[in-house]
Amino acid sequence: MKTRSIRVGVIDDHPITLIGFSAVAWKLTKKWKPPIEVVKLSETVDLLLRGEPGIFDVVALDLSLEDGSSPADNVGRLVDEGYPVLIYTGGTNVDYLRQALAAGAAGIALKTDSVEHTLDCLRRVAAGETVDNQEIAAAIETDTKFVSANLSPREQETLSLIAAGYTHKQAAVAMNITDNTVDKNIFRIRKKYAAVGREARTKLLLHIRAQEDGLIIPHR
């Protein structure tokens, strides 16, 4: 039986990027199980969303488009359609990156990364994973705009475990508390971060907040 490919939509307003990415993706992954196939190339979110719904397993989205659309709006529209989003960008505008992550982007790949790395990020995001980028993590770490969320010691411990990859159940066992208490801690953590303008609605954003506040050590 033929393995169905991972269907990718790409949004970028640079024609060379669009054409090159499509050609290279299939060539490099045709022996993967499943391979990656770019099924639609568009210069805007509007153009990508025209036509048959639900045809993508993941969307690669450039952070800054010439139509003036905001990263948050673009990611939000794609997520609302049920598409996991990987930001694919050549820039490291921290404010734009925060907007995209807060809106639900599952990860970030830089255009300076190898094509193989970007394709692997697409594969992982399509599978429901979140991916981080160490250059982006470093930019976020060194940004000076952060305001403390004033997490309690127990909330800090909860966040450090969840950000390190523990499930809620595993964190509960490690902390000798109930699953429900872990859920309540995460709810309070997200609420506290939101109150100081540091959204943490997604798992990836929780991971980034933990890095920013020194609760976990970024991978190098």
Protein backbone atom coordinates (compact mmCIF):
# COMPACT_ATOMS: atom_id res chain seq x y z
CA MET A 1 0.00 0.00 0.00
CA LYS A 2 1.33 3.42 -0.95
CA THR A 3 2.14 5.66 2.03
CA ARG A 4 0.24 8.94 1.98
CA SER A 5 2.56 11.93 1.97
CA ILE A 6 2.62 14.74 4.52
CA ARG A 7 0.78 17.49 2.67
CA VAL A 8 2.30 20.94 3.14
CA GLY A 9 1.01 24.38 2.28
CA VAL A 10 3.64 27.12 2.00
CA ILE A 11 2.94 30.85 2.38
CA ASP A 12 5.77 33.12 1.29
CA ASP A 13 5.80 36.18 -0.96
CA HIS A 14 9.23 35.47 -2.45
CA PRO A 15 8.81 33.41 -5.66
CA ILE A 16 12.27 31.87 -5.50
CA THR A 17 11.56 30.54 -2.01
CA LEU A 18 8.24 29.07 -3.12
CA ILE A 19 9.57 27.31 -6.21
CA GLY A 20 12.81 26.10 -4.63
CA PHE A 21 11.21 24.77 -1.46
CA SER A 22 8.63 22.76 -3.38
CA ALA A 23 11.20 21.08 -5.64
CA VAL A 24 13.68 20.27 -2.90
CA ALA A 25 11.10 18.96 -0.41
CA TRP A 26 10.01 16.02 -2.53
CA LYS A 27 13.52 15.22 -3.76
CA LEU A 28 14.94 14.98 -0.24
CA THR A 29 12.04 13.15 1.41
CA LYS A 30 10.69 10.80 -1.26
CA LYS A 31 12.20 7.85 0.63
CA TRP A 32 10.84 9.00 4.00
CA LYS A 33 7.85 7.22 5.47
CA PRO A 34 5.83 9.31 4.92
CA PRO A 35 7.46 11.68 2.41
CA ILE A 36 6.75 15.42 2.37
CA GLU A 37 4.85 16.91 -0.54
CA VAL A 38 4.18 20.61 -1.06
CA VAL A 39 0.63 20.65 -2.41
CA LYS A 40 0.03 24.40 -2.58
CA LEU A 41 2.17 27.53 -2.76
CA SER A 42 0.66 30.92 -1.95
CA GLU A 43 1.78 34.47 -1.31
CA THR A 44 -0.91 35.22 1.30
CA VAL A 45 -3.10 33.39 3.79
CA ASP A 46 -6.18 34.42 1.80
CA LEU A 47 -4.87 32.68 -1.31
CA LEU A 48 -3.89 29.54 0.56
CA LEU A 49 -7.31 29.17 2.16
CA ARG A 50 -9.19 29.46 -1.12
CA GLY A 51 -10.37 26.13 -2.44
CA GLU A 52 -10.83 22.76 -0.79
CA PRO A 53 -10.64 22.87 3.03
CA GLY A 54 -8.65 20.46 5.15
CA ILE A 55 -6.08 19.52 2.52
CA PHE A 56 -2.93 20.32 4.52
CA ASP A 57 -1.25 18.41 7.32
CA VAL A 58 0.92 21.43 8.16
CA VAL A 59 1.47 24.96 6.87
CA ALA A 60 4.84 26.71 6.62
CA LEU A 61 4.26 30.45 7.08
CA ASP A 62 6.68 33.31 6.49
CA LEU A 63 6.64 35.66 9.46
CA SER A 64 6.41 38.95 7.57
CA LEU A 65 4.39 39.26 4.36
CA GLU A 66 4.21 42.23 2.02
CA ASP A 67 0.41 42.42 2.24
CA GLY A 68 0.84 43.98 5.69
CA SER A 69 -0.97 41.19 7.54
CA SER A 70 0.04 40.59 11.15
CA PRO A 71 1.76 37.36 12.23
CA ALA A 72 -0.85 36.83 14.96
CA ASP A 73 -3.78 37.17 12.55
CA ASN A 74 -2.16 34.89 9.98
CA VAL A 75 -1.38 32.15 12.48
CA GLY A 76 -4.77 32.51 14.14
CA ARG A 77 -6.65 32.09 10.86
CA LEU A 78 -4.68 28.97 9.96
CA VAL A 79 -5.07 27.43 13.42
CA ASP A 80 -8.81 28.15 13.32
CA GLU A 81 -8.93 26.12 10.09
CA GLY A 82 -7.30 23.23 11.93
CA TYR A 83 -3.83 23.54 10.41
CA PRO A 84 -0.67 23.19 12.53
CA VAL A 85 1.68 26.07 11.70
CA LEU A 86 5.47 26.18 11.43
CA ILE A 87 6.87 29.70 11.16
CA TYR A 88 9.48 29.73 8.37
CA THR A 89 11.33 33.02 8.51
CA GLY A 90 14.54 34.80 7.69
CA GLY A 91 14.17 37.31 10.52
CA THR A 92 14.27 37.22 14.30
CA ASN A 93 11.92 40.07 15.20
CA VAL A 94 11.18 39.06 18.79
CA ASP A 95 7.85 40.91 18.92
CA TYR A 96 6.63 39.21 15.73
CA LEU A 97 7.82 35.85 17.02
CA ARG A 98 5.96 36.34 20.29
CA GLN A 99 2.80 37.26 18.39
CA ALA A 100 3.02 34.15 16.22
CA LEU A 101 3.69 31.82 19.15
CA ALA A 102 0.94 33.37 21.25
CA ALA A 103 -1.49 32.82 18.36
CA GLY A 104 -0.70 29.11 18.35
CA ALA A 105 2.27 28.46 16.03
CA ALA A 106 3.81 25.10 16.88
CA GLY A 107 7.38 26.06 16.15
CA ILE A 108 9.89 28.15 14.24
CA ALA A 109 12.44 27.29 11.55
CA LEU A 110 14.87 29.82 10.13
CA LYS A 111 15.58 30.13 6.42
CA THR A 112 19.26 29.96 7.35
CA ASP A 113 18.72 26.44 8.73
CA SER A 114 19.44 23.49 6.47
CA VAL A 115 16.57 22.37 4.26
CA GLU A 116 16.74 18.95 5.90
CA HIS A 117 16.24 20.53 9.32
CA THR A 118 13.25 22.55 8.13
CA LEU A 119 11.66 19.49 6.54
CA ASP A 120 12.15 17.54 9.76
CA CYS A 121 10.46 20.39 11.67
CA LEU A 122 7.51 20.18 9.27
CA ARG A 123 7.31 16.43 9.83
CA ARG A 124 7.30 16.86 13.60
CA VAL A 125 4.72 19.65 13.60
CA ALA A 126 2.46 17.61 11.30
CA ALA A 127 2.73 14.78 13.85
CA GLY A 128 1.49 17.08 16.61
CA GLU A 129 4.84 17.98 18.16
CA THR A 130 6.17 21.42 19.02
CA VAL A 131 9.66 22.44 17.93
CA ASP A 132 11.95 25.17 19.19
CA ASN A 133 14.93 26.88 17.61
CA GLN A 134 17.98 27.68 19.69
CA GLU A 135 18.77 30.94 17.89
CA ILE A 136 15.22 32.09 18.60
CA ALA A 137 15.46 30.88 22.20
CA ALA A 138 18.65 32.90 22.61
CA ALA A 139 16.99 36.02 21.18
CA ILE A 140 14.11 35.61 23.60
CA GLU A 141 16.44 34.93 26.53
CA THR A 142 18.42 38.12 25.94
CA ASP A 143 15.38 40.33 25.36
CA THR A 144 14.99 42.75 28.27
CA LYS A 145 11.26 43.40 28.12
CA PHE A 146 10.19 40.57 30.40
CA VAL A 147 8.25 41.26 33.57
CA SER A 148 8.25 38.68 36.34
CA ALA A 149 5.12 36.55 36.57
CA ASN A 150 5.80 36.00 40.31
CA LEU A 151 5.22 32.26 40.23
CA SER A 152 5.12 30.48 43.56
CA PRO A 153 7.84 27.85 44.24
CA ARG A 154 5.31 25.07 43.58
CA GLU A 155 4.21 26.70 40.32
CA GLN A 156 7.86 27.05 39.27
CA GLU A 157 8.43 23.36 39.97
CA THR A 158 5.34 22.42 37.96
CA LEU A 159 6.40 24.58 35.02
CA SER A 160 9.96 23.25 35.03
CA LEU A 161 8.69 19.66 34.81
CA ILE A 162 6.11 20.34 32.10
CA ALA A 163 8.63 22.37 30.08
CA ALA A 164 11.13 19.52 30.42
CA GLY A 165 8.67 17.18 28.71
CA TYR A 166 6.81 15.58 31.62
CA THR A 167 3.14 14.79 31.08
CA HIS A 168 0.70 16.15 33.67
CA LYS A 169 0.44 12.67 35.17
CA GLN A 170 4.24 12.28 35.36
CA ALA A 171 4.59 15.72 36.95
CA ALA A 172 1.94 14.81 39.52
CA VAL A 173 3.87 11.66 40.49
CA ALA A 174 7.18 13.55 40.68
CA MET A 175 5.65 16.25 42.90
CA ASN A 176 3.51 13.83 44.93
CA ILE A 177 0.31 15.71 44.07
CA THR A 178 -2.81 14.88 42.08
CA ASP A 179 -3.27 15.34 38.33
CA ASN A 180 -5.98 17.86 39.14
CA THR A 181 -3.54 19.95 41.20
CA VAL A 182 -1.09 19.99 38.28
CA ASP A 183 -3.89 21.19 36.00
CA LYS A 184 -4.76 23.96 38.46
CA ASN A 185 -1.10 24.98 38.73
CA ILE A 186 -0.80 25.23 34.94
CA PHE A 187 -4.01 27.27 34.79
CA ARG A 188 -2.62 29.72 37.38
CA ILE A 189 0.77 29.85 35.63
CA ARG A 190 -0.84 30.78 32.31
CA LYS A 191 -3.04 33.37 34.02
CA LYS A 192 -0.06 34.99 35.75
CA TYR A 193 1.99 35.17 32.56
CA ALA A 194 -0.96 36.64 30.64
CA ALA A 195 -1.40 39.28 33.35
CA VAL A 196 2.11 40.64 32.66
CA GLY A 197 1.79 40.47 28.88
CA ARG A 198 3.67 37.20 28.39
CA GLU A 199 1.19 34.80 26.85
CA ALA A 200 1.67 31.11 27.64
CA ARG A 201 -1.39 29.54 26.04
CA THR A 202 0.47 26.77 24.22
CA LYS A 203 2.91 24.07 25.28
CA LEU A 204 5.69 25.69 23.25
CA LEU A 205 5.09 29.07 24.92
CA LEU A 206 5.23 27.43 28.36
CA HIS A 207 8.58 25.94 27.34
CA ILE A 208 9.85 29.36 26.23
CA ARG A 209 8.64 31.07 29.42
CA ALA A 210 10.48 28.45 31.48
CA GLN A 211 13.66 29.18 29.51
CA GLU A 212 13.24 32.93 29.90
CA ASP A 213 12.88 32.61 33.67
CA GLY A 214 15.77 30.19 34.09
CA LEU A 215 13.62 27.23 35.13
CA ILE A 216 15.13 24.98 32.46
CA ILE A 217 18.40 25.13 30.56
CA PRO A 218 18.03 25.49 26.76
CA HIS A 219 19.56 22.71 24.67
CA ARG A 220 22.74 23.83 22.94
